[in-house]
Amino acid sequence: MSDAAIDVLKAGKLNTRLLSEMIAHEDFVRLLVDAEIYVDRIVSMRINDYNALLKVTREQIISEHDPTRMICICAPWKSGRCRRMNTLVGCSRKT
């Protein structure tokens, strides 16, 4: 423990009972590891990597498939006609 940390404890400005309970808690080491990950920005680097991968994949899918073109989803009704939603392309049923 650093001299500065000891000075803070001696000054009495912290709830030392709470600090003691935190240190004794079974998940305290996990808390420290999570804090280290956050402070060292380990996770944010991975998130940036995944976001970049997602962007590339999204652009690839958009370039391969025109997202403005709708696929015909037909359902026969009692009238035997194809019910369409908006303007659909590629419909083989009679309208």
C-alpha atoms as a PDB file:
ATOM      1  CA  MET A   1       0.000   0.000   0.000  1.00  0.00           C
ATOM      2  CA  SER A   2       1.329   3.412  -0.921  1.00  0.00           C
ATOM      3  CA  ASP A   3       2.054   6.200   1.552  1.00  0.00           C
ATOM      4  CA  ALA A   4      -0.735   8.264  -0.054  1.00  0.00           C
ATOM      5  CA  ALA A   5      -3.242   5.448   0.526  1.00  0.00           C
ATOM      6  CA  ILE A   6      -2.171   5.129   4.167  1.00  0.00           C
ATOM      7  CA  ASP A   7      -2.535   8.901   4.604  1.00  0.00           C
ATOM      8  CA  VAL A   8      -6.102   8.708   3.254  1.00  0.00           C
ATOM      9  CA  LEU A   9      -6.942   5.932   5.709  1.00  0.00           C
ATOM     10  CA  LYS A  10      -5.377   7.803   8.639  1.00  0.00           C
ATOM     11  CA  ALA A  11      -7.237  11.005   7.757  1.00  0.00           C
ATOM     12  CA  GLY A  12     -10.518   9.234   8.551  1.00  0.00           C
ATOM     13  CA  LYS A  13     -12.290  10.566   5.472  1.00  0.00           C
ATOM     14  CA  LEU A  14     -13.162   7.079   4.276  1.00  0.00           C
ATOM     15  CA  ASN A  15     -15.621   4.622   5.733  1.00  0.00           C
ATOM     16  CA  THR A  16     -12.988   2.115   6.833  1.00  0.00           C
ATOM     17  CA  ARG A  17     -15.640  -0.362   7.993  1.00  0.00           C
ATOM     18  CA  LEU A  18     -17.058  -0.459   4.464  1.00  0.00           C
ATOM     19  CA  LEU A  19     -13.576  -0.764   2.988  1.00  0.00           C
ATOM     20  CA  SER A  20     -12.833  -3.675   5.352  1.00  0.00           C
ATOM     21  CA  GLU A  21     -16.057  -5.432   4.354  1.00  0.00           C
ATOM     22  CA  MET A  22     -15.242  -4.969   0.688  1.00  0.00           C
ATOM     23  CA  ILE A  23     -11.741  -6.417   1.094  1.00  0.00           C
ATOM     24  CA  ALA A  24     -13.085  -9.410   3.033  1.00  0.00           C
ATOM     25  CA  HIS A  25     -15.836 -10.119   0.486  1.00  0.00           C
ATOM     26  CA  GLU A  26     -15.387 -13.292  -1.559  1.00  0.00           C
ATOM     27  CA  ASP A  27     -15.720 -11.365  -4.857  1.00  0.00           C
ATOM     28  CA  PHE A  28     -13.225  -8.616  -3.980  1.00  0.00           C
ATOM     29  CA  VAL A  29     -10.537 -10.045  -6.250  1.00  0.00           C
ATOM     30  CA  ARG A  30     -13.076 -10.117  -9.085  1.00  0.00           C
ATOM     31  CA  LEU A  31     -13.885  -6.453  -8.407  1.00  0.00           C
ATOM     32  CA  LEU A  32     -10.199  -5.559  -8.620  1.00  0.00           C
ATOM     33  CA  VAL A  33      -9.755  -7.515 -11.854  1.00  0.00           C
ATOM     34  CA  ASP A  34     -12.829  -5.824 -13.365  1.00  0.00           C
ATOM     35  CA  ALA A  35     -11.498  -2.430 -12.294  1.00  0.00           C
ATOM     36  CA  GLU A  36      -8.130  -3.234 -13.873  1.00  0.00           C
ATOM     37  CA  ILE A  37      -9.832  -4.233 -17.125  1.00  0.00           C
ATOM     38  CA  TYR A  38     -11.811  -0.994 -17.105  1.00  0.00           C
ATOM     39  CA  VAL A  39      -8.841   1.224 -16.226  1.00  0.00           C
ATOM     40  CA  ASP A  40      -6.504  -0.461 -18.707  1.00  0.00           C
ATOM     41  CA  ARG A  41      -9.199  -0.247 -21.404  1.00  0.00           C
ATOM     42  CA  ILE A  42      -8.697  -3.904 -22.295  1.00  0.00           C
ATOM     43  CA  VAL A  43     -12.378  -4.446 -23.039  1.00  0.00           C
ATOM     44  CA  SER A  44     -12.810  -1.244 -25.026  1.00  0.00           C
ATOM     45  CA  MET A  45     -10.069  -2.336 -27.412  1.00  0.00           C
ATOM     46  CA  ARG A  46     -11.936  -5.596 -28.063  1.00  0.00           C
ATOM     47  CA  ILE A  47     -15.249  -3.782 -28.481  1.00  0.00           C
ATOM     48  CA  ASN A  48     -13.628  -1.499 -31.064  1.00  0.00           C
ATOM     49  CA  ASP A  49     -12.311  -4.583 -32.883  1.00  0.00           C
ATOM     50  CA  TYR A  50     -15.758  -6.193 -32.915  1.00  0.00           C
ATOM     51  CA  ASN A  51     -17.406  -2.961 -34.083  1.00  0.00           C
ATOM     52  CA  ALA A  52     -14.924  -2.723 -36.967  1.00  0.00           C
ATOM     53  CA  LEU A  53     -15.626  -6.351 -37.914  1.00  0.00           C
ATOM     54  CA  LEU A  54     -19.368  -5.725 -37.730  1.00  0.00           C
ATOM     55  CA  LYS A  55     -19.031  -2.686 -39.997  1.00  0.00           C
ATOM     56  CA  VAL A  56     -17.065  -4.641 -42.614  1.00  0.00           C
ATOM     57  CA  THR A  57     -19.532  -7.540 -42.495  1.00  0.00           C
ATOM     58  CA  ARG A  58     -22.511  -5.197 -42.743  1.00  0.00           C
ATOM     59  CA  GLU A  59     -21.009  -3.440 -45.783  1.00  0.00           C
ATOM     60  CA  GLN A  60     -20.266  -6.806 -47.399  1.00  0.00           C
ATOM     61  CA  ILE A  61     -23.838  -8.003 -46.951  1.00  0.00           C
ATOM     62  CA  ILE A  62     -25.249  -4.734 -48.258  1.00  0.00           C
ATOM     63  CA  SER A  63     -23.018  -4.903 -51.345  1.00  0.00           C
ATOM     64  CA  GLU A  64     -24.042  -8.527 -52.032  1.00  0.00           C
ATOM     65  CA  HIS A  65     -27.767  -8.071 -51.441  1.00  0.00           C
ATOM     66  CA  ASP A  66     -29.687  -4.970 -52.370  1.00  0.00           C
ATOM     67  CA  PRO A  67     -31.543  -4.236 -49.108  1.00  0.00           C
ATOM     68  CA  THR A  68     -34.067  -2.058 -50.951  1.00  0.00           C
ATOM     69  CA  ARG A  69     -35.307  -5.011 -53.010  1.00  0.00           C
ATOM     70  CA  MET A  70     -38.047  -6.892 -51.241  1.00  0.00           C
ATOM     71  CA  ILE A  71     -38.539 -10.622 -51.614  1.00  0.00           C
ATOM     72  CA  CYS A  72     -42.024 -11.805 -52.522  1.00  0.00           C
ATOM     73  CA  ILE A  73     -43.750 -13.458 -49.615  1.00  0.00           C
ATOM     74  CA  CYS A  74     -47.003 -14.805 -50.993  1.00  0.00           C
ATOM     75  CA  ALA A  75     -49.807 -16.523 -49.178  1.00  0.00           C
ATOM     76  CA  PRO A  76     -52.728 -18.055 -51.045  1.00  0.00           C
ATOM     77  CA  TRP A  77     -56.057 -16.714 -49.882  1.00  0.00           C
ATOM     78  CA  LYS A  78     -59.532 -18.037 -50.478  1.00  0.00           C
ATOM     79  CA  SER A  79     -59.672 -16.005 -53.659  1.00  0.00           C
ATOM     80  CA  GLY A  80     -56.589 -17.846 -54.949  1.00  0.00           C
ATOM     81  CA  ARG A  81     -54.755 -14.570 -55.352  1.00  0.00           C
ATOM     82  CA  CYS A  82     -51.357 -13.586 -54.001  1.00  0.00           C
ATOM     83  CA  ARG A  83     -51.538 -11.059 -51.198  1.00  0.00           C
ATOM     84  CA  ARG A  84     -48.634  -8.640 -51.461  1.00  0.00           C
ATOM     85  CA  MET A  85     -47.198  -6.177 -49.032  1.00  0.00           C
ATOM     86  CA  ASN A  86     -45.973  -2.962 -50.647  1.00  0.00           C
ATOM     87  CA  THR A  87     -44.238  -3.434 -53.997  1.00  0.00           C
ATOM     88  CA  LEU A  88     -42.535  -6.797 -54.067  1.00  0.00           C
ATOM     89  CA  VAL A  89     -40.292  -8.191 -56.755  1.00  0.00           C
ATOM     90  CA  GLY A  90     -39.912 -11.728 -58.011  1.00  0.00           C
ATOM     91  CA  CYS A  91     -43.487 -12.851 -57.377  1.00  0.00           C
ATOM     92  CA  SER A  92     -44.499 -15.852 -59.467  1.00  0.00           C
ATOM     93  CA  ARG A  93     -48.141 -15.893 -58.359  1.00  0.00           C
ATOM     94  CA  LYS A  94     -50.955 -14.267 -60.221  1.00  0.00           C
ATOM     95  CA  THR A  95     -52.090 -10.990 -58.696  1.00  0.00           C
END
